[in-house]
Amino acid sequence: MDTVPFYAECPNCGSERVQPGLPRDELLQLLEAGAEIPAYCSSCDEHWTVSTEERVDIARSLARPKPK
């Protein structure tokens, strides 16, 4: 199953970290349910949930047609 990577800003160091992503269907379910989307910074060993702005970015990326 293809995963959809995304970026999230670490609240500890402020760096934008690429996240390995989740399956497209799972991300859509989390967005539709308003559920938390997890993120992780390997440099800080920090776990957090993505911000509202990042959720919008993820939703926009999912709305784009998949490249062939």
N, C-alpha and C. Protein backbone atom coordinates (compact mmCIF):
# COMPACT_ATOMS: atom_id res chain seq x y z
N MET A 1 0.85 -1.18 0.00
CA MET A 1 0.00 0.00 0.00
C MET A 1 0.89 1.24 0.00
N ASP A 2 0.58 2.19 -0.88
CA ASP A 2 1.35 3.42 -0.97
C ASP A 2 1.05 4.33 0.21
N THR A 3 2.11 4.92 0.73
CA THR A 3 1.92 5.90 1.80
C THR A 3 2.10 7.30 1.23
N VAL A 4 1.53 8.26 1.93
CA VAL A 4 1.62 9.66 1.52
C VAL A 4 2.50 10.38 2.54
N PRO A 5 3.74 10.71 2.15
CA PRO A 5 4.60 11.46 3.08
C PRO A 5 4.12 12.91 3.18
N PHE A 6 4.47 13.55 4.29
CA PHE A 6 4.12 14.96 4.48
C PHE A 6 5.14 15.60 5.41
N TYR A 7 5.14 16.92 5.44
CA TYR A 7 6.04 17.67 6.30
C TYR A 7 5.30 18.18 7.52
N ALA A 8 6.02 18.23 8.65
CA ALA A 8 5.47 18.79 9.88
C ALA A 8 6.60 19.49 10.63
N GLU A 9 6.30 20.64 11.20
CA GLU A 9 7.31 21.41 11.93
C GLU A 9 7.41 20.93 13.37
N CYS A 10 8.62 20.58 13.76
CA CYS A 10 8.87 20.13 15.13
C CYS A 10 8.66 21.29 16.10
N PRO A 11 7.82 21.11 17.12
CA PRO A 11 7.58 22.18 18.08
C PRO A 11 8.78 22.44 18.99
N ASN A 12 9.71 21.49 19.03
CA ASN A 12 10.88 21.65 19.90
C ASN A 12 12.00 22.43 19.21
N CYS A 13 12.41 21.99 18.00
CA CYS A 13 13.54 22.63 17.33
C CYS A 13 13.12 23.56 16.19
N GLY A 14 11.84 23.49 15.78
CA GLY A 14 11.33 24.37 14.73
C GLY A 14 11.68 23.94 13.32
N SER A 15 12.35 22.80 13.18
CA SER A 15 12.70 22.31 11.85
C SER A 15 11.52 21.60 11.21
N GLU A 16 11.41 21.76 9.90
CA GLU A 16 10.37 21.06 9.16
C GLU A 16 10.89 19.66 8.87
N ARG A 17 10.17 18.66 9.34
CA ARG A 17 10.61 17.26 9.22
C ARG A 17 9.67 16.50 8.30
N VAL A 18 10.28 15.75 7.38
CA VAL A 18 9.46 14.91 6.52
C VAL A 18 8.99 13.72 7.35
N GLN A 19 7.73 13.40 7.22
CA GLN A 19 7.14 12.28 7.92
C GLN A 19 7.01 11.13 6.92
N PRO A 20 7.22 9.90 7.37
CA PRO A 20 7.16 8.78 6.42
C PRO A 20 5.78 8.61 5.80
N GLY A 21 4.80 9.19 6.44
CA GLY A 21 3.45 9.16 5.88
C GLY A 21 2.62 7.98 6.35
N LEU A 22 1.39 8.04 5.94
CA LEU A 22 0.40 7.02 6.26
C LEU A 22 -0.30 6.64 4.97
N PRO A 23 -0.95 5.48 4.95
CA PRO A 23 -1.73 5.14 3.76
C PRO A 23 -2.77 6.23 3.47
N ARG A 24 -2.98 6.51 2.20
CA ARG A 24 -3.90 7.55 1.75
C ARG A 24 -5.27 7.43 2.42
N ASP A 25 -5.84 6.22 2.43
CA ASP A 25 -7.17 6.01 3.03
C ASP A 25 -7.17 6.35 4.52
N GLU A 26 -6.09 5.99 5.20
CA GLU A 26 -6.01 6.27 6.64
C GLU A 26 -5.91 7.77 6.90
N LEU A 27 -5.10 8.46 6.10
CA LEU A 27 -5.00 9.92 6.25
C LEU A 27 -6.35 10.59 6.01
N LEU A 28 -7.05 10.16 4.97
CA LEU A 28 -8.38 10.72 4.69
C LEU A 28 -9.33 10.50 5.86
N GLN A 29 -9.31 9.31 6.45
CA GLN A 29 -10.18 9.01 7.59
C GLN A 29 -9.84 9.90 8.78
N LEU A 30 -8.55 10.07 9.05
CA LEU A 30 -8.14 10.92 10.17
C LEU A 30 -8.57 12.37 9.95
N LEU A 31 -8.40 12.85 8.73
CA LEU A 31 -8.81 14.23 8.41
C LEU A 31 -10.31 14.40 8.55
N GLU A 32 -11.07 13.48 7.99
CA GLU A 32 -12.54 13.58 8.03
C GLU A 32 -13.08 13.48 9.44
N ALA A 33 -12.43 12.67 10.27
CA ALA A 33 -12.89 12.48 11.65
C ALA A 33 -12.38 13.58 12.59
N GLY A 34 -11.46 14.41 12.11
CA GLY A 34 -10.87 15.42 12.98
C GLY A 34 -9.93 14.81 14.00
N ALA A 35 -9.45 13.60 13.71
CA ALA A 35 -8.57 12.89 14.63
C ALA A 35 -7.13 13.40 14.50
N GLU A 36 -6.34 13.13 15.52
CA GLU A 36 -4.95 13.56 15.53
C GLU A 36 -4.14 12.82 14.47
N ILE A 37 -3.22 13.54 13.84
CA ILE A 37 -2.28 12.94 12.89
C ILE A 37 -0.90 13.05 13.54
N PRO A 38 -0.27 11.92 13.81
CA PRO A 38 1.00 11.94 14.53
C PRO A 38 2.18 12.38 13.67
N ALA A 39 3.17 12.99 14.34
CA ALA A 39 4.42 13.39 13.69
C ALA A 39 5.56 13.11 14.67
N TYR A 40 6.78 13.05 14.13
CA TYR A 40 7.95 12.71 14.94
C TYR A 40 9.19 13.41 14.41
N CYS A 41 10.03 13.90 15.32
CA CYS A 41 11.33 14.48 14.98
C CYS A 41 12.41 13.56 15.53
N SER A 42 13.21 12.97 14.64
CA SER A 42 14.25 12.04 15.07
C SER A 42 15.40 12.77 15.78
N SER A 43 15.64 14.04 15.44
CA SER A 43 16.71 14.79 16.09
C SER A 43 16.40 15.07 17.55
N CYS A 44 15.14 15.41 17.83
CA CYS A 44 14.72 15.76 19.19
C CYS A 44 14.09 14.58 19.93
N ASP A 45 13.80 13.51 19.21
CA ASP A 45 13.04 12.38 19.76
C ASP A 45 11.72 12.89 20.33
N GLU A 46 11.07 13.78 19.57
CA GLU A 46 9.83 14.45 19.99
C GLU A 46 8.65 13.94 19.15
N HIS A 47 7.57 13.58 19.82
CA HIS A 47 6.32 13.20 19.16
C HIS A 47 5.32 14.33 19.37
N TRP A 48 4.50 14.62 18.36
CA TRP A 48 3.44 15.63 18.47
C TRP A 48 2.38 15.34 17.43
N THR A 49 1.33 16.13 17.45
CA THR A 49 0.30 16.01 16.42
C THR A 49 0.40 17.22 15.50
N VAL A 50 0.10 17.01 14.23
CA VAL A 50 0.25 18.09 13.25
C VAL A 50 -0.73 19.21 13.56
N SER A 51 -0.34 20.41 13.15
CA SER A 51 -1.15 21.61 13.40
C SER A 51 -2.31 21.69 12.41
N THR A 52 -3.20 22.62 12.67
CA THR A 52 -4.33 22.86 11.77
C THR A 52 -3.83 23.23 10.38
N GLU A 53 -2.83 24.09 10.30
CA GLU A 53 -2.27 24.50 9.01
C GLU A 53 -1.68 23.31 8.27
N GLU A 54 -0.99 22.45 8.99
CA GLU A 54 -0.40 21.26 8.36
C GLU A 54 -1.49 20.29 7.89
N ARG A 55 -2.58 20.21 8.64
CA ARG A 55 -3.71 19.37 8.22
C ARG A 55 -4.27 19.88 6.89
N VAL A 56 -4.36 21.21 6.75
CA VAL A 56 -4.85 21.80 5.50
C VAL A 56 -3.90 21.44 4.36
N ASP A 57 -2.60 21.54 4.60
CA ASP A 57 -1.62 21.18 3.57
C ASP A 57 -1.75 19.71 3.16
N ILE A 58 -1.95 18.85 4.14
CA ILE A 58 -2.11 17.42 3.84
C ILE A 58 -3.37 17.20 3.02
N ALA A 59 -4.46 17.84 3.41
CA ALA A 59 -5.72 17.69 2.68
C ALA A 59 -5.57 18.18 1.24
N ARG A 60 -4.87 19.28 1.05
CA ARG A 60 -4.64 19.81 -0.31
C ARG A 60 -3.82 18.83 -1.14
N SER A 61 -2.80 18.24 -0.53
CA SER A 61 -1.98 17.30 -1.28
C SER A 61 -2.76 16.05 -1.66
N LEU A 62 -3.69 15.64 -0.80
CA LEU A 62 -4.52 14.47 -1.11
C LEU A 62 -5.54 14.78 -2.20
N ALA A 63 -5.92 16.05 -2.33
CA ALA A 63 -6.91 16.44 -3.33
C ALA A 63 -6.31 16.54 -4.73
N ARG A 64 -4.99 16.65 -4.81
CA ARG A 64 -4.33 16.73 -6.12
C ARG A 64 -4.38 15.38 -6.81
N PRO A 65 -4.50 15.38 -8.14
CA PRO A 65 -4.47 14.11 -8.87
C PRO A 65 -3.11 13.43 -8.69
N LYS A 66 -3.13 12.11 -8.60
CA LYS A 66 -1.90 11.34 -8.47
C LYS A 66 -1.14 11.39 -9.80
N PRO A 67 0.18 11.61 -9.75
CA PRO A 67 0.96 11.59 -11.00
C PRO A 67 0.97 10.18 -11.59
N LYS A 68 0.98 10.12 -12.89
CA LYS A 68 0.98 8.81 -13.55
C LYS A 68 2.36 8.30 -13.80
